[in-house]
């Protein structure tokens, strides 16, 4: 068996009629309609492939964990920040991990460079940002 790599990303619709596989292709500025002689099984195979791809696309996205920096604090073991999501993550001494939403990058910088992580956290973060406890499996 010989495998060939194919790119079907421009195919936007398929049909089968009178012994022809019909393809509607997106060519950027225009749509192109092609008819290729093919048995109905070719259409059924492409339809099945489309169903498989659609199922795969609905699988949950596994997010990358936030990189944590160990800290010297009586309050926390580690802190981390996701700049894209603006999410601050804190792992407390008791093992609980919380994420804080919509935290500005400047606040993150000030937190992890503060002389007292706990004091900065209590004054500038606790109660000011929406938070959620994270349970890792």
C-alpha atoms as a PDB file:
ATOM      1  CA  UNK A   1       0.000   0.000   0.000  1.00  0.00           C
ATOM      2  CA  UNK A   2       1.308   3.440  -0.915  1.00  0.00           C
ATOM      3  CA  UNK A   3       0.120   6.450   1.102  1.00  0.00           C
ATOM      4  CA  UNK A   4      -0.144   9.885  -0.436  1.00  0.00           C
ATOM      5  CA  UNK A   5      -0.448  13.156   1.404  1.00  0.00           C
ATOM      6  CA  UNK A   6      -3.428  15.218   0.275  1.00  0.00           C
ATOM      7  CA  UNK A   7      -4.783  18.633   1.189  1.00  0.00           C
ATOM      8  CA  UNK A   8      -8.569  18.833   1.130  1.00  0.00           C
ATOM      9  CA  UNK A   9      -8.774  22.206   2.880  1.00  0.00           C
ATOM     10  CA  UNK A  10     -10.166  23.956  -0.214  1.00  0.00           C
ATOM     11  CA  UNK A  11     -13.070  21.483  -0.593  1.00  0.00           C
ATOM     12  CA  UNK A  12     -16.179  23.146   0.837  1.00  0.00           C
ATOM     13  CA  UNK A  13     -18.902  20.794  -0.470  1.00  0.00           C
ATOM     14  CA  UNK A  14     -19.272  17.422  -2.166  1.00  0.00           C
ATOM     15  CA  UNK A  15     -22.046  15.579  -3.957  1.00  0.00           C
ATOM     16  CA  UNK A  16     -22.480  12.578  -6.270  1.00  0.00           C
ATOM     17  CA  UNK A  17     -24.678  12.425  -9.333  1.00  0.00           C
ATOM     18  CA  UNK A  18     -24.863  10.194 -12.418  1.00  0.00           C
ATOM     19  CA  UNK A  19     -21.461   8.565 -11.824  1.00  0.00           C
ATOM     20  CA  UNK A  20     -19.645  11.805 -11.037  1.00  0.00           C
ATOM     21  CA  UNK A  21     -18.165  13.051  -7.799  1.00  0.00           C
ATOM     22  CA  UNK A  22     -18.954  16.757  -7.633  1.00  0.00           C
ATOM     23  CA  UNK A  23     -16.670  19.063  -5.691  1.00  0.00           C
ATOM     24  CA  UNK A  24     -17.055  22.723  -4.798  1.00  0.00           C
ATOM     25  CA  UNK A  25     -13.643  24.273  -4.154  1.00  0.00           C
ATOM     26  CA  UNK A  26     -12.750  27.595  -2.567  1.00  0.00           C
ATOM     27  CA  UNK A  27     -10.091  29.194  -4.762  1.00  0.00           C
ATOM     28  CA  UNK A  28      -9.848  32.377  -2.710  1.00  0.00           C
ATOM     29  CA  UNK A  29     -11.403  34.972  -5.004  1.00  0.00           C
ATOM     30  CA  UNK A  30     -13.845  32.514  -6.573  1.00  0.00           C
ATOM     31  CA  UNK A  31     -15.494  29.120  -6.199  1.00  0.00           C
ATOM     32  CA  UNK A  32     -14.736  26.318  -8.628  1.00  0.00           C
ATOM     33  CA  UNK A  33     -17.075  23.427  -9.442  1.00  0.00           C
ATOM     34  CA  UNK A  34     -15.429  20.148 -10.541  1.00  0.00           C
ATOM     35  CA  UNK A  35     -16.949  16.878 -11.698  1.00  0.00           C
ATOM     36  CA  UNK A  36     -14.790  13.766 -11.579  1.00  0.00           C
ATOM     37  CA  UNK A  37     -15.933  10.334 -12.769  1.00  0.00           C
ATOM     38  CA  UNK A  38     -16.175   8.224  -9.613  1.00  0.00           C
ATOM     39  CA  UNK A  39     -18.390   5.568  -8.047  1.00  0.00           C
ATOM     40  CA  UNK A  40     -20.832   6.553  -5.328  1.00  0.00           C
ATOM     41  CA  UNK A  41     -18.486   4.825  -2.834  1.00  0.00           C
ATOM     42  CA  UNK A  42     -15.962   7.650  -3.365  1.00  0.00           C
ATOM     43  CA  UNK A  43     -18.584  10.154  -2.247  1.00  0.00           C
ATOM     44  CA  UNK A  44     -19.571   7.952   0.703  1.00  0.00           C
ATOM     45  CA  UNK A  45     -15.908   7.614   1.714  1.00  0.00           C
ATOM     46  CA  UNK A  46     -15.385  11.376   1.657  1.00  0.00           C
ATOM     47  CA  UNK A  47     -18.598  11.896   3.599  1.00  0.00           C
ATOM     48  CA  UNK A  48     -17.393   9.394   6.220  1.00  0.00           C
ATOM     49  CA  UNK A  49     -14.016  11.170   6.393  1.00  0.00           C
ATOM     50  CA  UNK A  50     -15.820  14.478   6.940  1.00  0.00           C
ATOM     51  CA  UNK A  51     -17.799  12.944   9.826  1.00  0.00           C
ATOM     52  CA  UNK A  52     -14.595  11.667  11.448  1.00  0.00           C
ATOM     53  CA  UNK A  53     -12.923  15.080  11.144  1.00  0.00           C
ATOM     54  CA  UNK A  54     -16.011  16.781  12.605  1.00  0.00           C
ATOM     55  CA  UNK A  55     -15.971  14.417  15.611  1.00  0.00           C
ATOM     56  CA  UNK A  56     -12.272  15.098  16.175  1.00  0.00           C
ATOM     57  CA  UNK A  57     -12.870  18.845  16.013  1.00  0.00           C
ATOM     58  CA  UNK A  58     -15.349  18.632  18.889  1.00  0.00           C
ATOM     59  CA  UNK A  59     -12.918  16.944  21.270  1.00  0.00           C
ATOM     60  CA  UNK A  60     -12.107  19.090  24.300  1.00  0.00           C
ATOM     61  CA  UNK A  61      -9.027  21.248  23.993  1.00  0.00           C
ATOM     62  CA  UNK A  62      -6.451  20.419  26.612  1.00  0.00           C
ATOM     63  CA  UNK A  63      -4.872  23.621  27.792  1.00  0.00           C
ATOM     64  CA  UNK A  64      -1.208  23.843  28.570  1.00  0.00           C
ATOM     65  CA  UNK A  65      -0.601  24.324  32.288  1.00  0.00           C
ATOM     66  CA  UNK A  66       0.686  27.672  33.448  1.00  0.00           C
ATOM     67  CA  UNK A  67       4.433  27.595  34.124  1.00  0.00           C
ATOM     68  CA  UNK A  68       4.951  28.123  37.825  1.00  0.00           C
ATOM     69  CA  UNK A  69       7.838  29.881  39.557  1.00  0.00           C
ATOM     70  CA  UNK A  70       8.762  28.694  43.054  1.00  0.00           C
ATOM     71  CA  UNK A  71       8.632  31.517  45.602  1.00  0.00           C
ATOM     72  CA  UNK A  72       9.936  32.045  49.103  1.00  0.00           C
ATOM     73  CA  UNK A  73       6.764  32.911  50.982  1.00  0.00           C
ATOM     74  CA  UNK A  74       4.848  31.752  54.038  1.00  0.00           C
ATOM     75  CA  UNK A  75       1.660  32.125  51.946  1.00  0.00           C
ATOM     76  CA  UNK A  76       2.516  30.496  48.594  1.00  0.00           C
ATOM     77  CA  UNK A  77       4.697  27.735  47.171  1.00  0.00           C
ATOM     78  CA  UNK A  78       4.631  28.995  43.568  1.00  0.00           C
ATOM     79  CA  UNK A  79       3.091  31.620  41.276  1.00  0.00           C
ATOM     80  CA  UNK A  80       2.626  31.751  37.513  1.00  0.00           C
ATOM     81  CA  UNK A  81       1.071  33.920  34.841  1.00  0.00           C
ATOM     82  CA  UNK A  82      -0.431  33.317  31.394  1.00  0.00           C
ATOM     83  CA  UNK A  83       0.018  36.569  29.487  1.00  0.00           C
ATOM     84  CA  UNK A  84      -2.347  35.581  26.648  1.00  0.00           C
ATOM     85  CA  UNK A  85      -5.245  34.775  28.991  1.00  0.00           C
ATOM     86  CA  UNK A  86      -4.194  37.321  31.646  1.00  0.00           C
ATOM     87  CA  UNK A  87      -4.513  34.585  34.259  1.00  0.00           C
ATOM     88  CA  UNK A  88      -2.545  34.566  37.486  1.00  0.00           C
ATOM     89  CA  UNK A  89      -2.130  31.203  39.184  1.00  0.00           C
ATOM     90  CA  UNK A  90      -1.140  30.803  42.822  1.00  0.00           C
ATOM     91  CA  UNK A  91      -0.285  27.546  44.602  1.00  0.00           C
ATOM     92  CA  UNK A  92      -0.753  28.116  48.312  1.00  0.00           C
ATOM     93  CA  UNK A  93       1.159  26.449  51.157  1.00  0.00           C
ATOM     94  CA  UNK A  94      -1.898  24.276  51.934  1.00  0.00           C
ATOM     95  CA  UNK A  95      -1.740  22.802  48.402  1.00  0.00           C
ATOM     96  CA  UNK A  96      -4.762  24.682  47.004  1.00  0.00           C
ATOM     97  CA  UNK A  97      -4.286  26.179  43.548  1.00  0.00           C
ATOM     98  CA  UNK A  98      -6.307  29.208  42.442  1.00  0.00           C
ATOM     99  CA  UNK A  99      -6.477  31.106  39.179  1.00  0.00           C
ATOM    100  CA  UNK A 100      -7.278  34.819  39.102  1.00  0.00           C
ATOM    101  CA  UNK A 101      -8.819  36.279  35.907  1.00  0.00           C
ATOM    102  CA  UNK A 102      -8.046  39.492  34.023  1.00  0.00           C
ATOM    103  CA  UNK A 103      -4.867  40.259  35.961  1.00  0.00           C
ATOM    104  CA  UNK A 104      -2.743  42.925  34.278  1.00  0.00           C
ATOM    105  CA  UNK A 105       0.818  42.031  33.313  1.00  0.00           C
ATOM    106  CA  UNK A 106       2.089  44.886  35.496  1.00  0.00           C
ATOM    107  CA  UNK A 107       0.360  43.367  38.537  1.00  0.00           C
ATOM    108  CA  UNK A 108       2.012  40.026  37.765  1.00  0.00           C
ATOM    109  CA  UNK A 109       5.414  41.714  37.512  1.00  0.00           C
ATOM    110  CA  UNK A 110       4.855  43.523  40.797  1.00  0.00           C
ATOM    111  CA  UNK A 111       3.707  40.315  42.526  1.00  0.00           C
ATOM    112  CA  UNK A 112       6.582  38.060  41.623  1.00  0.00           C
ATOM    113  CA  UNK A 113       9.166  40.785  42.333  1.00  0.00           C
ATOM    114  CA  UNK A 114       7.583  41.958  45.612  1.00  0.00           C
ATOM    115  CA  UNK A 115       9.601  41.802  48.824  1.00  0.00           C
ATOM    116  CA  UNK A 116       6.604  40.094  50.430  1.00  0.00           C
ATOM    117  CA  UNK A 117       4.491  37.929  48.100  1.00  0.00           C
ATOM    118  CA  UNK A 118       1.836  37.443  50.785  1.00  0.00           C
ATOM    119  CA  UNK A 119       1.543  41.125  51.640  1.00  0.00           C
ATOM    120  CA  UNK A 120       1.302  42.140  47.966  1.00  0.00           C
ATOM    121  CA  UNK A 121      -1.231  39.360  47.299  1.00  0.00           C
ATOM    122  CA  UNK A 122      -3.450  40.416  50.227  1.00  0.00           C
ATOM    123  CA  UNK A 123      -3.341  44.114  49.310  1.00  0.00           C
ATOM    124  CA  UNK A 124      -3.518  43.997  45.501  1.00  0.00           C
ATOM    125  CA  UNK A 125      -5.060  40.687  44.375  1.00  0.00           C
ATOM    126  CA  UNK A 126      -7.206  39.005  47.029  1.00  0.00           C
ATOM    127  CA  UNK A 127     -10.822  40.104  46.595  1.00  0.00           C
ATOM    128  CA  UNK A 128     -10.062  42.281  43.547  1.00  0.00           C
ATOM    129  CA  UNK A 129     -10.063  39.598  40.847  1.00  0.00           C
ATOM    130  CA  UNK A 130     -12.483  36.809  40.043  1.00  0.00           C
ATOM    131  CA  UNK A 131     -10.943  33.536  41.181  1.00  0.00           C
ATOM    132  CA  UNK A 132     -11.466  29.826  40.696  1.00  0.00           C
ATOM    133  CA  UNK A 133      -9.968  26.862  42.516  1.00  0.00           C
ATOM    134  CA  UNK A 134      -8.227  24.474  40.142  1.00  0.00           C
ATOM    135  CA  UNK A 135      -8.220  20.748  40.826  1.00  0.00           C
ATOM    136  CA  UNK A 136      -5.520  18.800  39.013  1.00  0.00           C
ATOM    137  CA  UNK A 137      -6.013  15.135  38.278  1.00  0.00           C
END
